[in-house]
Amino acid sequence: METQKIISVELTDSDLSEQIKVVTKDCHVRAENTELMLAYQRGDITMEQYKLLLCSLHEIYQALEEALDSNSNHSCVAPIYFPLELARLESLEKDLEHFYGHNWREKIVVPAATKRYVHRLRQIGKDNPEYLVAHAYTRYLGDLSGGTVLGRITQKSLGLKSGEGLLFFSFPGVSSPNRFKQLYRSRMNSIELNHEDRKGVLDEAVRAFELNIQVFDDLQKIDMPSKMERESTSEKLHMTGCTRHLTTHSKLAQGEKLIAKSLQIQPSLINSSPFFRMLLGICVALVTVGMGIYAL
């Protein structure tokens, strides 16, 4: 994994949630401005991109929720452990089954960045459970905040019916996202951390955003061949249209010359007189229509 850029902040008595917001401000903006997320905001996402995103999210949430489950009694994890309200794994599995069928597990494809993200989650689940706070906060509250909007964009862009492959964006256990986020931040701010551990959690929050950015970038690269194919097809259609136009124009010109020859009109007179060109054009059109009727 690339060396992470760790943002240093002066640790004060301010809330942990506010400190995370400060240290992740720059990478938060970068995550929102990745090519994949910008395309998402424009409603320019493809079905293939969405399915690949679901595959990566499944692997990420499986690792995160397994780590949270196994550390649910840890002093740093217990306050922010809300499996009934926040767990995403079951919803993701249903969405993947909708798109890939019952054997969806055999069809999952994830980029290298997703595998690095999963490895990191499993690593800290064993060695530094307190760091899970940063990843849970980054993922769950991010999805809870933007889930409704992104769900609508996805449904409209892909022409999906309500609920079809969109369960990831739904949080039925949360009646009021805003109130729940306040509760979550309050619980997180109540976690007691020494100076070193707090610094570690803040650094891990930056790492979480960097990992997400890498996943977004890799997903965009995976879809690039199909995107290039779509653009190539569009270009071919455009070129075909141009060719047809040129061919038609060429045939009309040839028709004008043949009719001019049969009427014994000098080519120089045709080129210098718009009237004769218009007259010959009408003659060509009449001949073409007449041949078409005869063919019928």
Protein backbone atom coordinates (compact mmCIF):
# COMPACT_ATOMS: atom_id res chain seq x y z
CA MET A 1 0.00 0.00 0.00
CA GLU A 2 1.20 3.48 -0.79
CA THR A 3 2.64 5.55 2.03
CA GLN A 4 -0.27 7.41 3.52
CA LYS A 5 -0.20 11.16 3.94
CA ILE A 6 -0.99 11.64 7.59
CA ILE A 7 -2.36 15.02 8.54
CA SER A 8 -1.06 16.26 11.85
CA VAL A 9 -3.35 18.20 14.14
CA GLU A 10 -2.90 19.63 17.57
CA LEU A 11 -4.87 17.37 19.87
CA THR A 12 -7.16 19.26 22.18
CA ASP A 13 -10.15 18.45 24.32
CA SER A 14 -12.49 18.86 21.32
CA ASP A 15 -14.78 16.02 20.30
CA LEU A 16 -13.34 13.08 18.41
CA SER A 17 -15.97 13.43 15.67
CA GLU A 18 -14.97 17.06 15.10
CA GLN A 19 -11.29 16.18 15.04
CA ILE A 20 -11.93 13.51 12.42
CA LYS A 21 -13.86 16.04 10.35
CA VAL A 22 -10.89 18.43 10.49
CA VAL A 23 -8.16 15.95 9.58
CA THR A 24 -10.17 14.35 6.75
CA LYS A 25 -11.42 17.58 5.18
CA ASP A 26 -9.02 17.56 2.22
CA CYS A 27 -9.30 13.84 1.42
CA HIS A 28 -13.08 14.07 1.82
CA VAL A 29 -13.15 16.63 -0.99
CA ARG A 30 -10.83 14.44 -3.08
CA ALA A 31 -13.10 11.43 -2.58
CA GLU A 32 -16.12 13.40 -3.75
CA ASN A 33 -14.22 14.55 -6.83
CA THR A 34 -12.98 11.21 -8.07
CA GLU A 35 -14.06 10.46 -11.63
CA LEU A 36 -16.44 7.73 -10.46
CA MET A 37 -18.19 9.91 -7.88
CA LEU A 38 -18.49 12.85 -10.26
CA ALA A 39 -20.08 10.57 -12.83
CA TYR A 40 -22.40 9.32 -10.11
CA GLN A 41 -23.45 12.86 -9.19
CA ARG A 42 -24.21 13.57 -12.86
CA GLY A 43 -26.33 10.45 -13.06
CA ASP A 44 -23.85 9.08 -15.59
CA ILE A 45 -23.25 5.70 -13.95
CA THR A 46 -23.59 2.46 -15.90
CA MET A 47 -25.10 -0.81 -14.73
CA GLU A 48 -21.69 -2.46 -14.91
CA GLN A 49 -20.14 0.25 -12.72
CA TYR A 50 -22.90 -0.10 -10.14
CA LYS A 51 -22.58 -3.88 -9.99
CA LEU A 52 -18.81 -3.62 -9.57
CA LEU A 53 -19.32 -1.05 -6.81
CA LEU A 54 -21.69 -3.41 -5.00
CA CYS A 55 -19.10 -6.21 -5.25
CA SER A 56 -16.44 -4.04 -3.61
CA LEU A 57 -18.81 -2.74 -0.94
CA HIS A 58 -19.75 -6.31 -0.08
CA GLU A 59 -16.15 -7.31 0.53
CA ILE A 60 -15.45 -4.14 2.52
CA TYR A 61 -18.51 -4.41 4.73
CA GLN A 62 -18.02 -8.11 5.27
CA ALA A 63 -14.55 -7.45 6.67
CA LEU A 64 -15.69 -4.40 8.67
CA GLU A 65 -18.73 -6.07 10.22
CA GLU A 66 -16.86 -9.26 11.04
CA ALA A 67 -14.24 -7.15 12.83
CA LEU A 68 -16.93 -5.15 14.68
CA ASP A 69 -18.79 -8.31 15.68
CA SER A 70 -15.66 -9.99 17.06
CA ASN A 71 -14.75 -6.83 19.00
CA SER A 72 -18.24 -5.78 20.06
CA ASN A 73 -17.27 -5.87 23.76
CA HIS A 74 -14.13 -3.77 23.27
CA SER A 75 -14.27 -0.50 25.19
CA CYS A 76 -13.82 1.55 22.01
CA VAL A 77 -16.15 -0.48 19.79
CA ALA A 78 -19.09 -1.13 22.14
CA PRO A 79 -20.34 2.50 22.21
CA ILE A 80 -20.63 2.68 18.39
CA TYR A 81 -21.81 -0.90 17.79
CA PHE A 82 -25.25 -0.69 16.13
CA PRO A 83 -25.69 -3.87 14.04
CA LEU A 84 -29.50 -3.69 13.89
CA GLU A 85 -29.50 -0.10 12.68
CA LEU A 86 -26.43 0.03 10.45
CA ALA A 87 -25.36 -3.42 9.22
CA ARG A 88 -25.07 -3.41 5.41
CA LEU A 89 -23.93 -6.93 4.60
CA GLU A 90 -27.35 -8.59 4.32
CA SER A 91 -28.68 -5.80 2.10
CA LEU A 92 -25.64 -6.04 -0.17
CA GLU A 93 -26.06 -9.80 -0.48
CA LYS A 94 -29.68 -9.36 -1.58
CA ASP A 95 -28.70 -6.69 -4.11
CA LEU A 96 -25.97 -8.90 -5.55
CA GLU A 97 -28.36 -11.85 -5.78
CA HIS A 98 -30.80 -9.63 -7.66
CA PHE A 99 -28.19 -8.78 -10.31
CA TYR A 100 -26.11 -11.98 -10.46
CA GLY A 101 -28.52 -14.72 -9.37
CA HIS A 102 -28.20 -17.34 -6.63
CA ASN A 103 -24.57 -18.13 -7.45
CA TRP A 104 -23.50 -14.46 -7.14
CA ARG A 105 -20.60 -15.35 -4.84
CA GLU A 106 -18.88 -17.07 -7.76
CA LYS A 107 -19.20 -13.98 -9.95
CA ILE A 108 -17.86 -11.26 -7.65
CA VAL A 109 -15.01 -9.24 -9.13
CA VAL A 110 -13.06 -6.72 -7.04
CA PRO A 111 -9.99 -4.59 -7.82
CA ALA A 112 -6.68 -4.72 -5.97
CA ALA A 113 -7.55 -1.59 -3.98
CA THR A 114 -10.58 -3.34 -2.48
CA LYS A 115 -8.41 -6.25 -1.40
CA ARG A 116 -5.99 -3.83 0.29
CA TYR A 117 -8.89 -2.18 2.09
CA VAL A 118 -10.20 -5.56 3.28
CA HIS A 119 -6.73 -6.60 4.43
CA ARG A 120 -6.38 -3.42 6.48
CA LEU A 121 -9.76 -3.91 8.17
CA ARG A 122 -8.91 -7.48 9.15
CA GLN A 123 -5.50 -6.43 10.36
CA ILE A 124 -6.74 -3.73 12.73
CA GLY A 125 -9.60 -5.97 13.85
CA LYS A 126 -6.93 -8.23 15.31
CA ASP A 127 -4.22 -5.77 16.34
CA ASN A 128 -5.89 -2.36 16.89
CA PRO A 129 -9.65 -2.65 17.45
CA GLU A 130 -9.82 1.01 18.50
CA TYR A 131 -9.00 1.99 14.90
CA LEU A 132 -12.29 0.41 13.77
CA VAL A 133 -13.96 3.54 15.13
CA ALA A 134 -12.49 5.56 12.25
CA HIS A 135 -13.62 3.12 9.57
CA ALA A 136 -17.11 2.62 11.01
CA TYR A 137 -17.61 6.38 11.27
CA THR A 138 -16.34 7.00 7.74
CA ARG A 139 -18.39 4.28 6.08
CA TYR A 140 -21.64 4.14 8.02
CA LEU A 141 -22.26 7.84 8.51
CA GLY A 142 -21.19 8.56 4.96
CA ASP A 143 -23.65 6.03 3.57
CA LEU A 144 -26.37 7.16 5.96
CA SER A 145 -25.88 10.80 4.95
CA GLY A 146 -25.83 10.30 1.18
CA GLY A 147 -27.71 7.03 0.86
CA THR A 148 -31.12 8.47 0.02
CA VAL A 149 -29.80 10.82 -2.66
CA LEU A 150 -27.47 8.25 -4.23
CA GLY A 151 -30.24 5.68 -4.16
CA ARG A 152 -32.51 7.97 -6.16
CA ILE A 153 -29.74 8.80 -8.63
CA THR A 154 -29.01 5.09 -9.11
CA GLN A 155 -32.67 4.20 -9.59
CA LYS A 156 -33.24 6.96 -12.12
CA SER A 157 -29.96 6.48 -14.02
CA LEU A 158 -30.35 2.73 -14.39
CA GLY A 159 -34.13 2.62 -14.70
CA LEU A 160 -34.53 0.34 -11.71
CA LYS A 161 -37.84 -0.25 -9.99
CA SER A 162 -38.14 0.72 -6.34
CA GLY A 163 -36.28 -1.79 -4.19
CA GLU A 164 -34.72 -3.69 -7.09
CA GLY A 165 -31.01 -3.90 -6.33
CA LEU A 166 -31.20 -0.77 -4.17
CA LEU A 167 -31.42 -2.19 -0.64
CA PHE A 168 -27.91 -1.00 0.21
CA PHE A 169 -29.16 2.59 0.32
CA SER A 170 -32.02 1.77 2.68
CA PHE A 171 -31.71 1.92 6.49
CA PRO A 172 -35.05 0.61 7.78
CA GLY A 173 -33.74 0.51 11.35
CA VAL A 174 -33.09 4.27 11.34
CA SER A 175 -36.26 6.35 11.48
CA SER A 176 -34.45 9.70 11.55
CA PRO A 177 -30.96 9.80 9.99
CA ASN A 178 -30.15 13.20 11.52
CA ARG A 179 -31.10 12.19 15.06
CA PHE A 180 -29.27 8.90 14.71
CA LYS A 181 -26.10 10.63 13.51
CA GLN A 182 -26.26 12.89 16.56
CA LEU A 183 -26.56 9.82 18.78
CA TYR A 184 -23.69 8.10 16.98
CA ARG A 185 -21.38 11.10 17.32
CA SER A 186 -22.29 11.45 20.98
CA ARG A 187 -21.43 7.79 21.60
CA MET A 188 -18.19 8.12 19.66
CA ASN A 189 -17.18 11.25 21.56
CA SER A 190 -17.69 9.38 24.82
CA ILE A 191 -14.93 6.89 23.98
CA GLU A 192 -11.94 7.35 26.25
CA LEU A 193 -8.65 7.42 24.37
CA ASN A 194 -5.18 8.34 25.50
CA HIS A 195 -3.14 10.77 23.43
CA GLU A 196 -1.41 8.06 21.39
CA ASP A 197 -4.57 6.09 20.62
CA ARG A 198 -6.49 9.24 19.68
CA LYS A 199 -3.74 10.22 17.26
CA GLY A 200 -3.85 6.68 15.86
CA VAL A 201 -7.62 6.88 15.28
CA LEU A 202 -7.27 10.23 13.49
CA ASP A 203 -4.50 8.88 11.27
CA GLU A 204 -6.67 5.85 10.54
CA ALA A 205 -9.56 8.10 9.50
CA VAL A 206 -7.32 9.68 6.87
CA ARG A 207 -6.24 6.20 5.79
CA ALA A 208 -9.88 5.15 5.48
CA PHE A 209 -10.58 7.97 3.04
CA GLU A 210 -7.43 7.20 1.07
CA LEU A 211 -8.46 3.55 0.79
CA ASN A 212 -11.90 4.55 -0.45
CA ILE A 213 -10.38 6.90 -3.04
CA GLN A 214 -8.16 4.09 -4.32
CA VAL A 215 -11.18 1.78 -4.60
CA PHE A 216 -13.12 4.40 -6.59
CA ASP A 217 -10.16 4.93 -8.92
CA ASP A 218 -9.67 1.20 -9.47
CA LEU A 219 -13.37 0.66 -10.19
CA GLN A 220 -13.21 3.39 -12.81
CA LYS A 221 -10.23 1.66 -14.44
CA ILE A 222 -12.02 -1.70 -14.51
CA ASP A 223 -14.97 -0.16 -16.35
CA MET A 224 -12.71 1.77 -18.74
CA PRO A 225 -12.63 -0.95 -21.48
CA SER A 226 -16.44 -1.10 -21.66
CA LYS A 227 -16.57 2.70 -21.61
CA MET A 228 -14.08 2.88 -24.47
CA GLU A 229 -16.11 0.30 -26.36
CA ARG A 230 -19.27 2.38 -25.91
CA GLU A 231 -17.46 5.51 -27.11
CA SER A 232 -15.99 3.59 -30.06
CA THR A 233 -19.46 2.34 -31.05
CA SER A 234 -20.82 5.88 -30.84
CA GLU A 235 -17.95 7.16 -32.99
CA LYS A 236 -18.50 4.41 -35.55
CA LEU A 237 -22.19 5.30 -35.77
CA HIS A 238 -21.25 8.94 -36.29
CA MET A 239 -18.72 8.03 -38.98
CA THR A 240 -21.26 5.77 -40.68
CA GLY A 241 -23.69 8.66 -40.80
CA CYS A 242 -21.03 10.93 -42.30
CA THR A 243 -20.11 8.28 -44.87
CA ARG A 244 -23.71 7.85 -45.89
CA HIS A 245 -24.08 11.60 -46.26
CA LEU A 246 -20.96 11.83 -48.41
CA THR A 247 -22.01 8.83 -50.48
CA THR A 248 -25.44 10.32 -51.09
CA HIS A 249 -23.88 13.66 -52.03
CA SER A 250 -21.49 11.89 -54.43
CA LYS A 251 -24.32 9.95 -56.06
CA LEU A 252 -26.35 13.11 -56.51
CA ALA A 253 -23.38 14.81 -58.17
CA GLN A 254 -22.92 11.86 -60.50
CA GLY A 255 -26.64 11.94 -61.31
CA GLU A 256 -26.41 15.64 -62.18
CA LYS A 257 -23.52 14.98 -64.56
CA LEU A 258 -25.37 12.15 -66.33
CA ILE A 259 -28.52 14.22 -66.81
CA ALA A 260 -26.49 17.24 -67.97
CA LYS A 261 -24.74 15.03 -70.52
CA SER A 262 -28.04 13.63 -71.80
CA LEU A 263 -29.42 17.18 -72.15
CA GLN A 264 -26.13 18.30 -73.81
CA ILE A 265 -25.55 21.04 -71.22
CA GLN A 266 -21.97 22.27 -70.83
CA PRO A 267 -20.45 21.45 -67.35
CA SER A 268 -19.09 25.02 -67.13
CA LEU A 269 -22.64 26.36 -67.36
CA ILE A 270 -23.77 24.08 -64.50
CA ASN A 271 -20.94 25.19 -62.23
CA SER A 272 -21.56 28.89 -62.91
CA SER A 273 -25.36 28.87 -62.70
CA PRO A 274 -27.16 28.03 -59.42
CA PHE A 275 -30.41 27.87 -61.41
CA PHE A 276 -29.18 24.99 -63.57
CA ARG A 277 -27.81 23.17 -60.52
CA MET A 278 -31.21 23.45 -58.80
CA LEU A 279 -32.98 22.29 -61.96
CA LEU A 280 -30.70 19.29 -62.32
CA GLY A 281 -31.16 18.45 -58.65
CA ILE A 282 -34.92 18.32 -59.15
CA CYS A 283 -34.44 16.10 -62.21
CA VAL A 284 -32.24 13.70 -60.24
CA ALA A 285 -34.83 13.54 -57.45
CA LEU A 286 -37.65 12.82 -59.92
CA VAL A 287 -35.62 10.10 -61.59
CA THR A 288 -34.76 8.52 -58.23
CA VAL A 289 -38.41 8.52 -57.07
CA GLY A 290 -39.48 7.14 -60.45
CA MET A 291 -36.99 4.26 -60.17
CA GLY A 292 -38.18 3.55 -56.65
CA ILE A 293 -41.83 3.36 -57.75
CA TYR A 294 -40.85 1.13 -60.66
CA ALA A 295 -38.99 -1.19 -58.30
CA LEU A 296 -42.12 -1.52 -56.16
